[in-house]
Amino acid sequence: MYDDNDTQDRGYQERRGRRGNNDQAYGGVDDEQQDSPRRGRRRKEDYFVVNKMTIDYKDVDTLRRFMTERAKIRPRRQTGLTSKHQRQLARQIKRARYMALLPYTDEHMRS
């Protein structure tokens, strides 16, 4: 009924069919979208620059804003701080932890 070449060709076509239409490139951009300006997230403004504040280890409420509920320091991409202020923030949080003003870990985890 089928010779060896027919079954090999049919298998190739079945595999090719599962992948979808290969005529269009994957991840392509429509012509209409190509002319539009880039869409993206606006960069967050630095909290300490906007409020004209300095970072102080004694200001625990402000430091907590930049920590997760598990008492981890939030990364810069979440805080929106400049790299200089992010480094200062980390230093002040660590200082406040050392002075026992902030916890090292989540207090609810203790048993």
PDB file of N, CA and C in Angstrom:
ATOM      1  N   MET A   1       0.822  -1.169   0.000  1.00  0.00           N
ATOM      2  CA  MET A   1       0.000   0.000   0.000  1.00  0.00           C
ATOM      3  C   MET A   1       0.882   1.254   0.000  1.00  0.00           C
ATOM      4  N   TYR A   2       1.723   1.459   1.046  1.00  0.00           N
ATOM      5  CA  TYR A   2       2.675   2.570   1.087  1.00  0.00           C
ATOM      6  C   TYR A   2       4.066   1.993   0.964  1.00  0.00           C
ATOM      7  N   ASP A   3       4.884   2.657   0.222  1.00  0.00           N
ATOM      8  CA  ASP A   3       6.276   2.243   0.250  1.00  0.00           C
ATOM      9  C   ASP A   3       6.997   3.074   1.313  1.00  0.00           C
ATOM     10  N   ASP A   4       8.254   2.784   1.542  1.00  0.00           N
ATOM     11  CA  ASP A   4       8.981   3.415   2.639  1.00  0.00           C
ATOM     12  C   ASP A   4       9.042   4.938   2.502  1.00  0.00           C
ATOM     13  N   ASN A   5       9.167   5.436   1.303  1.00  0.00           N
ATOM     14  CA  ASN A   5       9.276   6.887   1.112  1.00  0.00           C
ATOM     15  C   ASN A   5       7.975   7.599   1.462  1.00  0.00           C
ATOM     16  N   ASP A   6       6.826   6.975   1.163  1.00  0.00           N
ATOM     17  CA  ASP A   6       5.535   7.601   1.463  1.00  0.00           C
ATOM     18  C   ASP A   6       5.331   7.739   2.965  1.00  0.00           C
ATOM     19  N   THR A   7       5.673   6.705   3.734  1.00  0.00           N
ATOM     20  CA  THR A   7       5.462   6.778   5.184  1.00  0.00           C
ATOM     21  C   THR A   7       6.402   7.796   5.814  1.00  0.00           C
ATOM     22  N   GLN A   8       7.616   7.895   5.301  1.00  0.00           N
ATOM     23  CA  GLN A   8       8.537   8.892   5.837  1.00  0.00           C
ATOM     24  C   GLN A   8       8.044  10.298   5.521  1.00  0.00           C
ATOM     25  N   ASP A   9       7.543  10.517   4.303  1.00  0.00           N
ATOM     26  CA  ASP A   9       7.032  11.838   3.936  1.00  0.00           C
ATOM     27  C   ASP A   9       5.798  12.183   4.758  1.00  0.00           C
ATOM     28  N   ARG A  10       4.927  11.208   4.946  1.00  0.00           N
ATOM     29  CA  ARG A  10       3.706  11.456   5.704  1.00  0.00           C
ATOM     30  C   ARG A  10       4.052  11.788   7.161  1.00  0.00           C
ATOM     31  N   GLY A  11       5.022  11.095   7.743  1.00  0.00           N
ATOM     32  CA  GLY A  11       5.446  11.381   9.107  1.00  0.00           C
ATOM     33  C   GLY A  11       6.028  12.780   9.227  1.00  0.00           C
ATOM     34  N   TYR A  12       6.775  13.188   8.213  1.00  0.00           N
ATOM     35  CA  TYR A  12       7.338  14.534   8.229  1.00  0.00           C
ATOM     36  C   TYR A  12       6.226  15.570   8.165  1.00  0.00           C
ATOM     37  N   GLN A  13       5.227  15.346   7.343  1.00  0.00           N
ATOM     38  CA  GLN A  13       4.122  16.296   7.210  1.00  0.00           C
ATOM     39  C   GLN A  13       3.306  16.364   8.495  1.00  0.00           C
ATOM     40  N   GLU A  14       3.119  15.232   9.155  1.00  0.00           N
ATOM     41  CA  GLU A  14       2.369  15.238  10.410  1.00  0.00           C
ATOM     42  C   GLU A  14       3.118  16.035  11.477  1.00  0.00           C
ATOM     43  N   ARG A  15       4.427  15.808  11.554  1.00  0.00           N
ATOM     44  CA  ARG A  15       5.214  16.557  12.532  1.00  0.00           C
ATOM     45  C   ARG A  15       5.194  18.045  12.215  1.00  0.00           C
ATOM     46  N   ARG A  16       5.297  18.366  10.953  1.00  0.00           N
ATOM     47  CA  ARG A  16       5.295  19.770  10.541  1.00  0.00           C
ATOM     48  C   ARG A  16       3.937  20.400  10.828  1.00  0.00           C
ATOM     49  N   GLY A  17       2.879  19.638  10.659  1.00  0.00           N
ATOM     50  CA  GLY A  17       1.538  20.149  10.902  1.00  0.00           C
ATOM     51  C   GLY A  17       1.294  20.443  12.371  1.00  0.00           C
ATOM     52  N   ARG A  18       1.898  19.690  13.262  1.00  0.00           N
ATOM     53  CA  ARG A  18       1.714  19.914  14.692  1.00  0.00           C
ATOM     54  C   ARG A  18       2.346  21.223  15.150  1.00  0.00           C
ATOM     55  N   ARG A  19       3.363  21.632  14.454  1.00  0.00           N
ATOM     56  CA  ARG A  19       4.044  22.863  14.849  1.00  0.00           C
ATOM     57  C   ARG A  19       3.265  24.110  14.464  1.00  0.00           C
ATOM     58  N   GLY A  20       2.324  23.983  13.614  1.00  0.00           N
ATOM     59  CA  GLY A  20       1.552  25.148  13.198  1.00  0.00           C
ATOM     60  C   GLY A  20       2.002  25.633  11.835  1.00  0.00           C
ATOM     61  N   ASN A  21       1.511  26.763  11.456  1.00  0.00           N
ATOM     62  CA  ASN A  21       1.818  27.337  10.159  1.00  0.00           C
ATOM     63  C   ASN A  21       3.219  27.935  10.197  1.00  0.00           C
ATOM     64  N   ASN A  22       4.106  27.398   9.378  1.00  0.00           N
ATOM     65  CA  ASN A  22       5.485  27.865   9.380  1.00  0.00           C
ATOM     66  C   ASN A  22       5.698  29.036   8.437  1.00  0.00           C
ATOM     67  N   ASP A  23       4.642  29.482   7.771  1.00  0.00           N
ATOM     68  CA  ASP A  23       4.785  30.603   6.857  1.00  0.00           C
ATOM     69  C   ASP A  23       4.995  31.911   7.616  1.00  0.00           C
ATOM     70  N   GLN A  24       4.411  32.034   8.812  1.00  0.00           N
ATOM     71  CA  GLN A  24       4.587  33.242   9.607  1.00  0.00           C
ATOM     72  C   GLN A  24       5.693  33.011  10.635  1.00  0.00           C
ATOM     73  N   ALA A  25       6.448  34.035  10.875  1.00  0.00           N
ATOM     74  CA  ALA A  25       7.503  33.931  11.883  1.00  0.00           C
ATOM     75  C   ALA A  25       6.881  34.032  13.268  1.00  0.00           C
ATOM     76  N   TYR A  26       7.417  33.275  14.187  1.00  0.00           N
ATOM     77  CA  TYR A  26       6.919  33.334  15.559  1.00  0.00           C
ATOM     78  C   TYR A  26       7.371  34.639  16.195  1.00  0.00           C
ATOM     79  N   GLY A  27       6.509  35.220  16.996  1.00  0.00           N
ATOM     80  CA  GLY A  27       6.870  36.429  17.721  1.00  0.00           C
ATOM     81  C   GLY A  27       6.998  37.655  16.849  1.00  0.00           C
ATOM     82  N   GLY A  28       6.427  37.616  15.658  1.00  0.00           N
ATOM     83  CA  GLY A  28       6.508  38.754  14.755  1.00  0.00           C
ATOM     84  C   GLY A  28       5.640  39.905  15.218  1.00  0.00           C
ATOM     85  N   VAL A  29       5.878  41.061  14.654  1.00  0.00           N
ATOM     86  CA  VAL A  29       5.124  42.255  15.010  1.00  0.00           C
ATOM     87  C   VAL A  29       4.298  42.662  13.808  1.00  0.00           C
ATOM     88  N   ASP A  30       3.028  42.954  14.021  1.00  0.00           N
ATOM     89  CA  ASP A  30       2.173  43.423  12.945  1.00  0.00           C
ATOM     90  C   ASP A  30       2.656  44.779  12.459  1.00  0.00           C
ATOM     91  N   ASP A  31       2.330  45.097  11.206  1.00  0.00           N
ATOM     92  CA  ASP A  31       2.729  46.389  10.661  1.00  0.00           C
ATOM     93  C   ASP A  31       2.108  47.538  11.437  1.00  0.00           C
ATOM     94  N   GLU A  32       0.881  47.352  11.930  1.00  0.00           N
ATOM     95  CA  GLU A  32       0.203  48.413  12.670  1.00  0.00           C
ATOM     96  C   GLU A  32       0.906  48.681  13.994  1.00  0.00           C
ATOM     97  N   GLN A  33       1.366  47.644  14.657  1.00  0.00           N
ATOM     98  CA  GLN A  33       2.015  47.807  15.954  1.00  0.00           C
ATOM     99  C   GLN A  33       3.426  48.357  15.822  1.00  0.00           C
ATOM    100  N   GLN A  34       4.042  48.131  14.671  1.00  0.00           N
ATOM    101  CA  GLN A  34       5.425  48.525  14.493  1.00  0.00           C
ATOM    102  C   GLN A  34       5.589  50.045  14.529  1.00  0.00           C
ATOM    103  N   ASP A  35       4.605  50.793  14.054  1.00  0.00           N
ATOM    104  CA  ASP A  35       4.701  52.241  14.010  1.00  0.00           C
ATOM    105  C   ASP A  35       4.377  52.893  15.347  1.00  0.00           C
ATOM    106  N   SER A  36       3.716  52.180  16.248  1.00  0.00           N
ATOM    107  CA  SER A  36       3.315  52.774  17.519  1.00  0.00           C
ATOM    108  C   SER A  36       4.537  52.960  18.420  1.00  0.00           C
ATOM    109  N   PRO A  37       4.484  53.959  19.323  1.00  0.00           N
ATOM    110  CA  PRO A  37       5.619  54.149  20.237  1.00  0.00           C
ATOM    111  C   PRO A  37       5.745  52.975  21.195  1.00  0.00           C
ATOM    112  N   ARG A  38       6.924  52.805  21.729  1.00  0.00           N
ATOM    113  CA  ARG A  38       7.165  51.683  22.645  1.00  0.00           C
ATOM    114  C   ARG A  38       6.304  51.799  23.879  1.00  0.00           C
ATOM    115  N   ARG A  39       5.746  50.679  24.254  1.00  0.00           N
ATOM    116  CA  ARG A  39       4.984  50.647  25.489  1.00  0.00           C
ATOM    117  C   ARG A  39       5.850  50.006  26.553  1.00  0.00           C
ATOM    118  N   GLY A  40       5.831  50.579  27.713  1.00  0.00           N
ATOM    119  CA  GLY A  40       6.615  50.019  28.802  1.00  0.00           C
ATOM    120  C   GLY A  40       6.198  50.661  30.100  1.00  0.00           C
ATOM    121  N   ARG A  41       6.761  50.158  31.152  1.00  0.00           N
ATOM    122  CA  ARG A  41       6.424  50.704  32.459  1.00  0.00           C
ATOM    123  C   ARG A  41       7.292  51.922  32.722  1.00  0.00           C
ATOM    124  N   ARG A  42       6.671  52.932  33.285  1.00  0.00           N
ATOM    125  CA  ARG A  42       7.436  54.108  33.673  1.00  0.00           C
ATOM    126  C   ARG A  42       8.313  53.764  34.857  1.00  0.00           C
ATOM    127  N   ARG A  43       9.468  54.343  34.863  1.00  0.00           N
ATOM    128  CA  ARG A  43      10.400  54.122  35.964  1.00  0.00           C
ATOM    129  C   ARG A  43       9.834  54.773  37.223  1.00  0.00           C
ATOM    130  N   LYS A  44       9.868  54.044  38.321  1.00  0.00           N
ATOM    131  CA  LYS A  44       9.403  54.606  39.584  1.00  0.00           C
ATOM    132  C   LYS A  44      10.351  55.717  40.016  1.00  0.00           C
ATOM    133  N   GLU A  45       9.796  56.693  40.689  1.00  0.00           N
ATOM    134  CA  GLU A  45      10.632  57.777  41.183  1.00  0.00           C
ATOM    135  C   GLU A  45      11.201  57.393  42.545  1.00  0.00           C
ATOM    136  N   ASP A  46      12.396  57.867  42.793  1.00  0.00           N
ATOM    137  CA  ASP A  46      13.090  57.569  44.044  1.00  0.00           C
ATOM    138  C   ASP A  46      12.340  58.219  45.208  1.00  0.00           C
ATOM    139  N   TYR A  47      11.929  57.416  46.166  1.00  0.00           N
ATOM    140  CA  TYR A  47      11.144  57.873  47.313  1.00  0.00           C
ATOM    141  C   TYR A  47      11.892  58.938  48.113  1.00  0.00           C
ATOM    142  N   PHE A  48      13.178  58.754  48.290  1.00  0.00           N
ATOM    143  CA  PHE A  48      13.960  59.667  49.121  1.00  0.00           C
ATOM    144  C   PHE A  48      14.266  60.978  48.399  1.00  0.00           C
ATOM    145  N   VAL A  49      14.327  60.957  47.074  1.00  0.00           N
ATOM    146  CA  VAL A  49      14.531  62.189  46.313  1.00  0.00           C
ATOM    147  C   VAL A  49      13.239  62.998  46.287  1.00  0.00           C
ATOM    148  N   VAL A  50      12.113  62.336  46.040  1.00  0.00           N
ATOM    149  CA  VAL A  50      10.819  63.015  45.956  1.00  0.00           C
ATOM    150  C   VAL A  50      10.460  63.669  47.285  1.00  0.00           C
ATOM    151  N   ASN A  51      10.663  62.959  48.388  1.00  0.00           N
ATOM    152  CA  ASN A  51      10.298  63.474  49.711  1.00  0.00           C
ATOM    153  C   ASN A  51      11.416  64.250  50.396  1.00  0.00           C
ATOM    154  N   LYS A  52      12.549  64.384  49.705  1.00  0.00           N
ATOM    155  CA  LYS A  52      13.704  65.118  50.241  1.00  0.00           C
ATOM    156  C   LYS A  52      14.071  64.623  51.645  1.00  0.00           C
ATOM    157  N   MET A  53      14.254  63.309  51.753  1.00  0.00           N
ATOM    158  CA  MET A  53      14.571  62.677  53.034  1.00  0.00           C
ATOM    159  C   MET A  53      15.963  62.073  52.981  1.00  0.00           C
ATOM    160  N   THR A  54      16.532  61.882  54.135  1.00  0.00           N
ATOM    161  CA  THR A  54      17.754  61.094  54.235  1.00  0.00           C
ATOM    162  C   THR A  54      17.382  59.752  54.847  1.00  0.00           C
ATOM    163  N   ILE A  55      18.175  58.747  54.548  1.00  0.00           N
ATOM    164  CA  ILE A  55      17.905  57.406  55.056  1.00  0.00           C
ATOM    165  C   ILE A  55      18.553  57.283  56.428  1.00  0.00           C
ATOM    166  N   ASP A  56      17.730  56.950  57.425  1.00  0.00           N
ATOM    167  CA  ASP A  56      18.232  56.879  58.793  1.00  0.00           C
ATOM    168  C   ASP A  56      17.776  55.564  59.419  1.00  0.00           C
ATOM    169  N   TYR A  57      18.673  54.882  60.105  1.00  0.00           N
ATOM    170  CA  TYR A  57      18.331  53.591  60.698  1.00  0.00           C
ATOM    171  C   TYR A  57      17.306  53.722  61.816  1.00  0.00           C
ATOM    172  N   LYS A  58      17.151  54.910  62.403  1.00  0.00           N
ATOM    173  CA  LYS A  58      16.189  55.101  63.492  1.00  0.00           C
ATOM    174  C   LYS A  58      14.762  55.297  62.983  1.00  0.00           C
ATOM    175  N   ASP A  59      14.614  55.608  61.689  1.00  0.00           N
ATOM    176  CA  ASP A  59      13.291  55.802  61.091  1.00  0.00           C
ATOM    177  C   ASP A  59      12.763  54.441  60.626  1.00  0.00           C
ATOM    178  N   VAL A  60      12.301  53.655  61.574  1.00  0.00           N
ATOM    179  CA  VAL A  60      11.925  52.263  61.328  1.00  0.00           C
ATOM    180  C   VAL A  60      10.721  52.158  60.391  1.00  0.00           C
ATOM    181  N   ASP A  61       9.755  53.059  60.529  1.00  0.00           N
ATOM    182  CA  ASP A  61       8.560  52.994  59.684  1.00  0.00           C
ATOM    183  C   ASP A  61       8.911  53.162  58.208  1.00  0.00           C
ATOM    184  N   THR A  62       9.818  54.056  57.909  1.00  0.00           N
ATOM    185  CA  THR A  62      10.243  54.251  56.522  1.00  0.00           C
ATOM    186  C   THR A  62      11.011  53.034  56.024  1.00  0.00           C
ATOM    187  N   LEU A  63      11.866  52.488  56.854  1.00  0.00           N
ATOM    188  CA  LEU A  63      12.644  51.318  56.440  1.00  0.00           C
ATOM    189  C   LEU A  63      11.741  50.120  56.162  1.00  0.00           C
ATOM    190  N   ARG A  64      10.677  49.961  56.948  1.00  0.00           N
ATOM    191  CA  ARG A  64       9.762  48.832  56.752  1.00  0.00           C
ATOM    192  C   ARG A  64       9.058  48.876  55.396  1.00  0.00           C
ATOM    193  N   ARG A  65       8.893  50.077  54.831  1.00  0.00           N
ATOM    194  CA  ARG A  65       8.265  50.199  53.508  1.00  0.00           C
ATOM    195  C   ARG A  65       9.056  49.446  52.441  1.00  0.00           C
ATOM    196  N   PHE A  66      10.348  49.311  52.653  1.00  0.00           N
ATOM    197  CA  PHE A  66      11.240  48.714  51.667  1.00  0.00           C
ATOM    198  C   PHE A  66      11.627  47.283  52.024  1.00  0.00           C
ATOM    199  N   MET A  67      10.841  46.665  52.910  1.00  0.00           N
ATOM    200  CA  MET A  67      11.073  45.282  53.302  1.00  0.00           C
ATOM    201  C   MET A  67       9.821  44.463  53.010  1.00  0.00           C
ATOM    202  N   THR A  68      10.006  43.176  52.731  1.00  0.00           N
ATOM    203  CA  THR A  68       8.870  42.291  52.516  1.00  0.00           C
ATOM    204  C   THR A  68       8.273  41.911  53.861  1.00  0.00           C
ATOM    205  N   GLU A  69       7.152  41.216  53.832  1.00  0.00           N
ATOM    206  CA  GLU A  69       6.529  40.776  55.080  1.00  0.00           C
ATOM    207  C   GLU A  69       7.382  39.726  55.783  1.00  0.00           C
ATOM    208  N   ARG A  70       8.320  39.127  55.066  1.00  0.00           N
ATOM    209  CA  ARG A  70       9.260  38.176  55.668  1.00  0.00           C
ATOM    210  C   ARG A  70      10.541  38.847  56.144  1.00  0.00           C
ATOM    211  N   ALA A  71      10.546  40.176  56.154  1.00  0.00           N
ATOM    212  CA  ALA A  71      11.666  41.001  56.626  1.00  0.00           C
ATOM    213  C   ALA A  71      12.884  40.940  55.711  1.00  0.00           C
ATOM    214  N   LYS A  72      12.662  40.673  54.432  1.00  0.00           N
ATOM    215  CA  LYS A  72      13.750  40.714  53.462  1.00  0.00           C
ATOM    216  C   LYS A  72      13.783  42.094  52.820  1.00  0.00           C
ATOM    217  N   ILE A  73      14.945  42.523  52.405  1.00  0.00           N
ATOM    218  CA  ILE A  73      15.082  43.812  51.732  1.00  0.00           C
ATOM    219  C   ILE A  73      14.586  43.648  50.298  1.00  0.00           C
ATOM    220  N   ARG A  74      13.682  44.523  49.888  1.00  0.00           N
ATOM    221  CA  ARG A  74      13.143  44.452  48.530  1.00  0.00           C
ATOM    222  C   ARG A  74      14.225  44.833  47.517  1.00  0.00           C
ATOM    223  N   PRO A  75      14.196  44.220  46.335  1.00  0.00           N
ATOM    224  CA  PRO A  75      15.188  44.563  45.316  1.00  0.00           C
ATOM    225  C   PRO A  75      14.920  45.944  44.711  1.00  0.00           C
ATOM    226  N   ARG A  76      15.905  46.475  44.065  1.00  0.00           N
ATOM    227  CA  ARG A  76      15.835  47.821  43.505  1.00  0.00           C
ATOM    228  C   ARG A  76      14.748  47.950  42.442  1.00  0.00           C
ATOM    229  N   ARG A  77      14.515  46.902  41.682  1.00  0.00           N
ATOM    230  CA  ARG A  77      13.485  46.975  40.640  1.00  0.00           C
ATOM    231  C   ARG A  77      12.096  47.126  41.239  1.00  0.00           C
ATOM    232  N   GLN A  78      11.907  46.717  42.492  1.00  0.00           N
ATOM    233  CA  GLN A  78      10.618  46.899  43.161  1.00  0.00           C
ATOM    234  C   GLN A  78      10.547  48.221  43.910  1.00  0.00           C
ATOM    235  N   THR A  79      11.650  48.655  44.482  1.00  0.00           N
ATOM    236  CA  THR A  79      11.626  49.878  45.279  1.00  0.00           C
ATOM    237  C   THR A  79      11.667  51.126  44.412  1.00  0.00           C
ATOM    238  N   GLY A  80      12.311  51.049  43.249  1.00  0.00           N
ATOM    239  CA  GLY A  80      12.422  52.211  42.381  1.00  0.00           C
ATOM    240  C   GLY A  80      13.484  53.199  42.825  1.00  0.00           C
ATOM    241  N   LEU A  81      14.338  52.796  43.744  1.00  0.00           N
ATOM    242  CA  LEU A  81      15.387  53.686  44.238  1.00  0.00           C
ATOM    243  C   LEU A  81      16.562  53.714  43.272  1.00  0.00           C
ATOM    244  N   THR A  82      17.371  54.751  43.388  1.00  0.00           N
ATOM    245  CA  THR A  82      18.616  54.775  42.638  1.00  0.00           C
ATOM    246  C   THR A  82      19.565  53.765  43.280  1.00  0.00           C
ATOM    247  N   SER A  83      20.601  53.393  42.563  1.00  0.00           N
ATOM    248  CA  SER A  83      21.518  52.391  43.114  1.00  0.00           C
ATOM    249  C   SER A  83      22.221  52.928  44.363  1.00  0.00           C
ATOM    250  N   LYS A  84      22.520  54.212  44.373  1.00  0.00           N
ATOM    251  CA  LYS A  84      23.155  54.820  45.547  1.00  0.00           C
ATOM    252  C   LYS A  84      22.235  54.718  46.765  1.00  0.00           C
ATOM    253  N   HIS A  85      20.967  55.078  46.592  1.00  0.00           N
ATOM    254  CA  HIS A  85      20.034  55.033  47.715  1.00  0.00           C
ATOM    255  C   HIS A  85      19.700  53.599  48.117  1.00  0.00           C
ATOM    256  N   GLN A  86      19.695  52.675  47.152  1.00  0.00           N
ATOM    257  CA  GLN A  86      19.432  51.275  47.488  1.00  0.00           C
ATOM    258  C   GLN A  86      20.548  50.725  48.372  1.00  0.00           C
ATOM    259  N   ARG A  87      21.790  51.076  48.067  1.00  0.00           N
ATOM    260  CA  ARG A  87      22.917  50.639  48.900  1.00  0.00           C
ATOM    261  C   ARG A  87      22.833  51.252  50.293  1.00  0.00           C
ATOM    262  N   GLN A  88      22.506  52.544  50.362  1.00  0.00           N
ATOM    263  CA  GLN A  88      22.364  53.203  51.662  1.00  0.00           C
ATOM    264  C   GLN A  88      21.229  52.577  52.460  1.00  0.00           C
ATOM    265  N   LEU A  89      20.122  52.289  51.779  1.00  0.00           N
ATOM    266  CA  LEU A  89      18.971  51.673  52.442  1.00  0.00           C
ATOM    267  C   LEU A  89      19.356  50.324  53.043  1.00  0.00           C
ATOM    268  N   ALA A  90      20.042  49.496  52.257  1.00  0.00           N
ATOM    269  CA  ALA A  90      20.456  48.179  52.746  1.00  0.00           C
ATOM    270  C   ALA A  90      21.364  48.322  53.964  1.00  0.00           C
ATOM    271  N   ARG A  91      22.277  49.277  53.912  1.00  0.00           N
ATOM    272  CA  ARG A  91      23.193  49.496  55.029  1.00  0.00           C
ATOM    273  C   ARG A  91      22.428  49.921  56.283  1.00  0.00           C
ATOM    274  N   GLN A  92      21.448  50.812  56.128  1.00  0.00           N
ATOM    275  CA  GLN A  92      20.685  51.303  57.279  1.00  0.00           C
ATOM    276  C   GLN A  92      19.755  50.226  57.838  1.00  0.00           C
ATOM    277  N   ILE A  93      19.188  49.395  56.964  1.00  0.00           N
ATOM    278  CA  ILE A  93      18.342  48.288  57.440  1.00  0.00           C
ATOM    279  C   ILE A  93      19.191  47.310  58.251  1.00  0.00           C
ATOM    280  N   LYS A  94      20.378  47.015  57.753  1.00  0.00           N
ATOM    281  CA  LYS A  94      21.262  46.096  58.478  1.00  0.00           C
ATOM    282  C   LYS A  94      21.700  46.689  59.818  1.00  0.00           C
ATOM    283  N   ARG A  95      21.916  47.981  59.829  1.00  0.00           N
ATOM    284  CA  ARG A  95      22.277  48.651  61.082  1.00  0.00           C
ATOM    285  C   ARG A  95      21.118  48.594  62.073  1.00  0.00           C
ATOM    286  N   ALA A  96      19.890  48.828  61.579  1.00  0.00           N
ATOM    287  CA  ALA A  96      18.706  48.779  62.449  1.00  0.00           C
ATOM    288  C   ALA A  96      18.473  47.362  62.964  1.00  0.00           C
ATOM    289  N   ARG A  97      18.785  46.366  62.156  1.00  0.00           N
ATOM    290  CA  ARG A  97      18.656  44.978  62.615  1.00  0.00           C
ATOM    291  C   ARG A  97      19.654  44.703  63.741  1.00  0.00           C
ATOM    292  N   TYR A  98      20.874  45.185  63.544  1.00  0.00           N
ATOM    293  CA  TYR A  98      21.910  44.975  64.552  1.00  0.00           C
ATOM    294  C   TYR A  98      21.532  45.638  65.874  1.00  0.00           C
ATOM    295  N   MET A  99      20.877  46.792  65.798  1.00  0.00           N
ATOM    296  CA  MET A  99      20.447  47.524  66.996  1.00  0.00           C
ATOM    297  C   MET A  99      19.121  46.996  67.537  1.00  0.00           C
ATOM    298  N   ALA A 100      18.586  45.942  66.939  1.00  0.00           N
ATOM    299  CA  ALA A 100      17.340  45.284  67.346  1.00  0.00           C
ATOM    300  C   ALA A 100      16.115  46.178  67.159  1.00  0.00           C
ATOM    301  N   LEU A 101      16.187  47.103  66.195  1.00  0.00           N
ATOM    302  CA  LEU A 101      15.021  47.919  65.865  1.00  0.00           C
ATOM    303  C   LEU A 101      14.152  47.231  64.813  1.00  0.00           C
ATOM    304  N   LEU A 102      14.776  46.381  64.008  1.00  0.00           N
ATOM    305  CA  LEU A 102      14.067  45.613  62.981  1.00  0.00           C
ATOM    306  C   LEU A 102      14.408  44.140  63.148  1.00  0.00           C
ATOM    307  N   PRO A 103      13.485  43.247  62.787  1.00  0.00           N
ATOM    308  CA  PRO A 103      13.779  41.813  62.895  1.00  0.00           C
ATOM    309  C   PRO A 103      14.633  41.335  61.713  1.00  0.00           C
ATOM    310  N   TYR A 104      15.405  40.304  61.955  1.00  0.00           N
ATOM    311  CA  TYR A 104      16.164  39.673  60.880  1.00  0.00           C
ATOM    312  C   TYR A 104      15.252  38.808  60.023  1.00  0.00           C
ATOM    313  N   THR A 105      14.269  38.171  60.663  1.00  0.00           N
ATOM    314  CA  THR A 105      13.321  37.313  59.960  1.00  0.00           C
ATOM    315  C   THR A 105      11.916  37.652  60.423  1.00  0.00           C
ATOM    316  N   ASP A 106      10.953  37.007  59.783  1.00  0.00           N
ATOM    317  CA  ASP A 106       9.558  37.210  60.141  1.00  0.00           C
ATOM    318  C   ASP A 106       9.329  36.706  61.561  1.00  0.00           C
ATOM    319  N   GLU A 107       8.708  37.511  62.385  1.00  0.00           N
ATOM    320  CA  GLU A 107       8.498  37.137  63.785  1.00  0.00           C
ATOM    321  C   GLU A 107       7.502  35.995  63.931  1.00  0.00           C
ATOM    322  N   HIS A 108       6.624  35.804  62.947  1.00  0.00           N
ATOM    323  CA  HIS A 108       5.610  34.754  63.028  1.00  0.00           C
ATOM    324  C   HIS A 108       6.210  33.372  62.808  1.00  0.00           C
ATOM    325  N   MET A 109       7.410  33.321  62.272  1.00  0.00           N
ATOM    326  CA  MET A 109       8.036  32.035  61.984  1.00  0.00           C
ATOM    327  C   MET A 109       8.628  31.400  63.238  1.00  0.00           C
ATOM    328  N   ARG A 110       8.800  32.167  64.281  1.00  0.00           N
ATOM    329  CA  ARG A 110       9.392  31.625  65.507  1.00  0.00           C
ATOM    330  C   ARG A 110       8.445  30.641  66.174  1.00  0.00           C
ATOM    331  N   SER A 111       9.017  29.615  66.785  1.00  0.00           N
ATOM    332  CA  SER A 111       8.158  28.651  67.494  1.00  0.00           C
ATOM    333  C   SER A 111       8.705  28.324  68.856  1.00  0.00           C
TER     334      SER A 111
END
